[in-house]
Amino acid sequence: MGAWDSGQDPAAAAEGVVREIALREQAIAIRRRRLLLALYDLGVLDLVGRDWVQVVDDGVVFATLSDTQVDRLVCRLEDIAEGRPDPLPCPGPGQMGLDFNPVPGPVQLGVSTGVHPGVFR
């Protein structure tokens, strides 16, 4: 941050300091967003959580991971290094799977009653 000149207007000096801080915070926010998106694209963010990595003034800070999280992270990084695709999520015990790629078939919409055009019943 710039030093305050005693001959300078205090309001102008404060405005300059605030501008410098805002620019630095904006750069940190952009860097954080890019890093989180990259980790998400690699399938890592689901393993370690969003709070695992923080972008700060001096660089990046990583939080401590549990043994299970470390094992999962290492396995995922090994898969990325070997070029293996991201594993497809599967439902857990007692959960029903959601099919996001349904088998193509005839699409059947409701019948328009004519009372309210565009509303199907």
C-alpha atoms as a PDB file:
ATOM      1  CA  MET A   1       0.000   0.000   0.000  1.00  0.00           C
ATOM      2  CA  GLY A   2       1.161   3.489  -0.723  1.00  0.00           C
ATOM      3  CA  ALA A   3       2.504   5.683   2.035  1.00  0.00           C
ATOM      4  CA  TRP A   4       0.461   8.672   3.093  1.00  0.00           C
ATOM      5  CA  ASP A   5       1.969  12.023   2.168  1.00  0.00           C
ATOM      6  CA  SER A   6       1.369  14.627   4.898  1.00  0.00           C
ATOM      7  CA  GLY A   7       0.654  17.244   2.201  1.00  0.00           C
ATOM      8  CA  GLN A   8      -1.993  15.040   0.593  1.00  0.00           C
ATOM      9  CA  ASP A   9      -5.700  15.324   1.317  1.00  0.00           C
ATOM     10  CA  PRO A  10      -6.583  12.615   3.891  1.00  0.00           C
ATOM     11  CA  ALA A  11      -9.764  11.699   2.007  1.00  0.00           C
ATOM     12  CA  ALA A  12      -7.827  11.238  -1.243  1.00  0.00           C
ATOM     13  CA  ALA A  13      -5.185   9.177   0.562  1.00  0.00           C
ATOM     14  CA  ALA A  14      -7.869   6.963   2.117  1.00  0.00           C
ATOM     15  CA  GLU A  15      -9.536   6.557  -1.263  1.00  0.00           C
ATOM     16  CA  GLY A  16      -6.229   5.441  -2.778  1.00  0.00           C
ATOM     17  CA  VAL A  17      -5.675   2.883  -0.016  1.00  0.00           C
ATOM     18  CA  VAL A  18      -9.212   1.535  -0.390  1.00  0.00           C
ATOM     19  CA  ARG A  19      -8.739   1.277  -4.172  1.00  0.00           C
ATOM     20  CA  GLU A  20      -5.518  -0.732  -3.706  1.00  0.00           C
ATOM     21  CA  ILE A  21      -7.208  -3.080  -1.238  1.00  0.00           C
ATOM     22  CA  ALA A  22     -10.233  -3.515  -3.526  1.00  0.00           C
ATOM     23  CA  LEU A  23      -8.035  -4.384  -6.511  1.00  0.00           C
ATOM     24  CA  ARG A  24      -6.071  -6.919  -4.464  1.00  0.00           C
ATOM     25  CA  GLU A  25      -9.268  -8.496  -3.095  1.00  0.00           C
ATOM     26  CA  GLN A  26     -10.733  -8.662  -6.592  1.00  0.00           C
ATOM     27  CA  ALA A  27      -7.619 -10.452  -7.875  1.00  0.00           C
ATOM     28  CA  ILE A  28      -7.813 -12.911  -4.953  1.00  0.00           C
ATOM     29  CA  ALA A  29     -11.509 -13.600  -5.640  1.00  0.00           C
ATOM     30  CA  ILE A  30     -10.810 -14.276  -9.329  1.00  0.00           C
ATOM     31  CA  ARG A  31      -7.900 -16.572  -8.470  1.00  0.00           C
ATOM     32  CA  ARG A  32     -10.033 -18.434  -5.902  1.00  0.00           C
ATOM     33  CA  ARG A  33     -12.892 -18.899  -8.378  1.00  0.00           C
ATOM     34  CA  ARG A  34     -10.524 -20.243 -11.045  1.00  0.00           C
ATOM     35  CA  LEU A  35      -8.840 -22.622  -8.590  1.00  0.00           C
ATOM     36  CA  LEU A  36     -12.146 -23.969  -7.238  1.00  0.00           C
ATOM     37  CA  LEU A  37     -13.470 -24.464 -10.772  1.00  0.00           C
ATOM     38  CA  ALA A  38     -10.311 -26.350 -11.788  1.00  0.00           C
ATOM     39  CA  LEU A  39     -10.534 -28.573  -8.699  1.00  0.00           C
ATOM     40  CA  TYR A  40     -14.215 -29.193  -9.408  1.00  0.00           C
ATOM     41  CA  ASP A  41     -13.504 -30.057 -13.061  1.00  0.00           C
ATOM     42  CA  LEU A  42     -10.886 -32.570 -11.917  1.00  0.00           C
ATOM     43  CA  GLY A  43     -13.326 -34.183  -9.493  1.00  0.00           C
ATOM     44  CA  VAL A  44     -11.182 -33.238  -6.512  1.00  0.00           C
ATOM     45  CA  LEU A  45     -13.454 -30.686  -4.854  1.00  0.00           C
ATOM     46  CA  ASP A  46     -16.051 -33.319  -3.965  1.00  0.00           C
ATOM     47  CA  LEU A  47     -13.367 -35.292  -2.127  1.00  0.00           C
ATOM     48  CA  VAL A  48     -11.796 -32.511  -0.076  1.00  0.00           C
ATOM     49  CA  GLY A  49     -14.543 -29.870   0.266  1.00  0.00           C
ATOM     50  CA  ARG A  50     -14.666 -26.213  -0.740  1.00  0.00           C
ATOM     51  CA  ASP A  51     -12.930 -25.032   2.434  1.00  0.00           C
ATOM     52  CA  TRP A  52      -9.861 -27.192   1.865  1.00  0.00           C
ATOM     53  CA  VAL A  53      -8.035 -24.539  -0.138  1.00  0.00           C
ATOM     54  CA  GLN A  54      -7.962 -20.793   0.468  1.00  0.00           C
ATOM     55  CA  VAL A  55      -6.375 -18.138  -1.697  1.00  0.00           C
ATOM     56  CA  VAL A  56      -4.673 -15.477   0.444  1.00  0.00           C
ATOM     57  CA  ASP A  57      -2.422 -12.477  -0.203  1.00  0.00           C
ATOM     58  CA  ASP A  58       0.743 -14.579  -0.110  1.00  0.00           C
ATOM     59  CA  GLY A  59      -0.550 -17.473  -2.201  1.00  0.00           C
ATOM     60  CA  VAL A  60      -2.599 -20.564  -1.381  1.00  0.00           C
ATOM     61  CA  VAL A  61      -3.246 -22.229   1.995  1.00  0.00           C
ATOM     62  CA  PHE A  62      -4.390 -25.845   2.249  1.00  0.00           C
ATOM     63  CA  ALA A  63      -6.272 -27.162   5.278  1.00  0.00           C
ATOM     64  CA  THR A  64      -5.535 -30.475   6.960  1.00  0.00           C
ATOM     65  CA  LEU A  65      -7.217 -33.538   5.454  1.00  0.00           C
ATOM     66  CA  SER A  66      -8.294 -36.700   7.221  1.00  0.00           C
ATOM     67  CA  ASP A  67      -6.636 -40.006   6.310  1.00  0.00           C
ATOM     68  CA  THR A  68      -9.701 -41.007   4.290  1.00  0.00           C
ATOM     69  CA  GLN A  69      -9.685 -37.713   2.380  1.00  0.00           C
ATOM     70  CA  VAL A  70      -5.977 -38.082   1.637  1.00  0.00           C
ATOM     71  CA  ASP A  71      -6.479 -41.624   0.315  1.00  0.00           C
ATOM     72  CA  ARG A  72      -9.361 -40.501  -1.907  1.00  0.00           C
ATOM     73  CA  LEU A  73      -7.407 -37.478  -3.149  1.00  0.00           C
ATOM     74  CA  VAL A  74      -4.341 -39.571  -3.980  1.00  0.00           C
ATOM     75  CA  CYS A  75      -6.487 -42.138  -5.813  1.00  0.00           C
ATOM     76  CA  ARG A  76      -8.161 -39.388  -7.823  1.00  0.00           C
ATOM     77  CA  LEU A  77      -4.825 -37.766  -8.695  1.00  0.00           C
ATOM     78  CA  GLU A  78      -3.453 -41.170  -9.754  1.00  0.00           C
ATOM     79  CA  ASP A  79      -6.526 -41.660 -11.973  1.00  0.00           C
ATOM     80  CA  ILE A  80      -5.957 -38.233 -13.551  1.00  0.00           C
ATOM     81  CA  ALA A  81      -2.266 -39.021 -14.119  1.00  0.00           C
ATOM     82  CA  GLU A  82      -3.159 -42.362 -15.764  1.00  0.00           C
ATOM     83  CA  GLY A  83      -5.854 -40.741 -17.910  1.00  0.00           C
ATOM     84  CA  ARG A  84      -8.686 -42.751 -16.386  1.00  0.00           C
ATOM     85  CA  PRO A  85     -12.109 -41.094 -16.577  1.00  0.00           C
ATOM     86  CA  ASP A  86     -13.891 -39.666 -13.572  1.00  0.00           C
ATOM     87  CA  PRO A  87     -15.906 -42.452 -11.931  1.00  0.00           C
ATOM     88  CA  LEU A  88     -19.643 -42.148 -12.370  1.00  0.00           C
ATOM     89  CA  PRO A  89     -21.488 -41.454  -9.149  1.00  0.00           C
ATOM     90  CA  CYS A  90     -23.686 -44.256  -7.900  1.00  0.00           C
ATOM     91  CA  PRO A  91     -26.451 -44.156  -5.312  1.00  0.00           C
ATOM     92  CA  GLY A  92     -25.625 -45.014  -1.736  1.00  0.00           C
ATOM     93  CA  PRO A  93     -27.436 -47.572   0.424  1.00  0.00           C
ATOM     94  CA  GLY A  94     -31.162 -46.846   0.491  1.00  0.00           C
ATOM     95  CA  GLN A  95     -30.911 -44.217  -2.252  1.00  0.00           C
ATOM     96  CA  MET A  96     -32.515 -44.323  -5.660  1.00  0.00           C
ATOM     97  CA  GLY A  97     -30.327 -43.512  -8.657  1.00  0.00           C
ATOM     98  CA  LEU A  98     -31.235 -40.609 -10.901  1.00  0.00           C
ATOM     99  CA  ASP A  99     -30.846 -41.386 -14.573  1.00  0.00           C
ATOM    100  CA  PHE A 100     -29.609 -38.205 -16.240  1.00  0.00           C
ATOM    101  CA  ASN A 101     -29.202 -39.946 -19.598  1.00  0.00           C
ATOM    102  CA  PRO A 102     -32.619 -41.517 -20.164  1.00  0.00           C
ATOM    103  CA  VAL A 103     -33.180 -43.979 -22.964  1.00  0.00           C
ATOM    104  CA  PRO A 104     -34.605 -42.104 -25.949  1.00  0.00           C
ATOM    105  CA  GLY A 105     -38.256 -42.749 -26.479  1.00  0.00           C
ATOM    106  CA  PRO A 106     -41.470 -41.019 -27.401  1.00  0.00           C
ATOM    107  CA  VAL A 107     -42.086 -37.882 -25.406  1.00  0.00           C
ATOM    108  CA  GLN A 108     -45.667 -37.686 -24.283  1.00  0.00           C
ATOM    109  CA  LEU A 109     -46.964 -34.320 -23.210  1.00  0.00           C
ATOM    110  CA  GLY A 110     -50.369 -33.673 -21.777  1.00  0.00           C
ATOM    111  CA  VAL A 111     -53.361 -32.684 -23.832  1.00  0.00           C
ATOM    112  CA  SER A 112     -54.209 -29.000 -24.076  1.00  0.00           C
ATOM    113  CA  THR A 113     -57.702 -28.406 -22.740  1.00  0.00           C
ATOM    114  CA  GLY A 114     -58.129 -25.213 -24.707  1.00  0.00           C
ATOM    115  CA  VAL A 115     -59.400 -23.415 -21.615  1.00  0.00           C
ATOM    116  CA  HIS A 116     -55.945 -22.135 -20.805  1.00  0.00           C
ATOM    117  CA  PRO A 117     -53.758 -22.259 -23.897  1.00  0.00           C
ATOM    118  CA  GLY A 118     -50.300 -23.586 -23.126  1.00  0.00           C
ATOM    119  CA  VAL A 119     -51.413 -25.360 -19.935  1.00  0.00           C
ATOM    120  CA  PHE A 120     -51.398 -29.111 -20.358  1.00  0.00           C
ATOM    121  CA  ARG A 121     -53.443 -31.448 -18.210  1.00  0.00           C
END
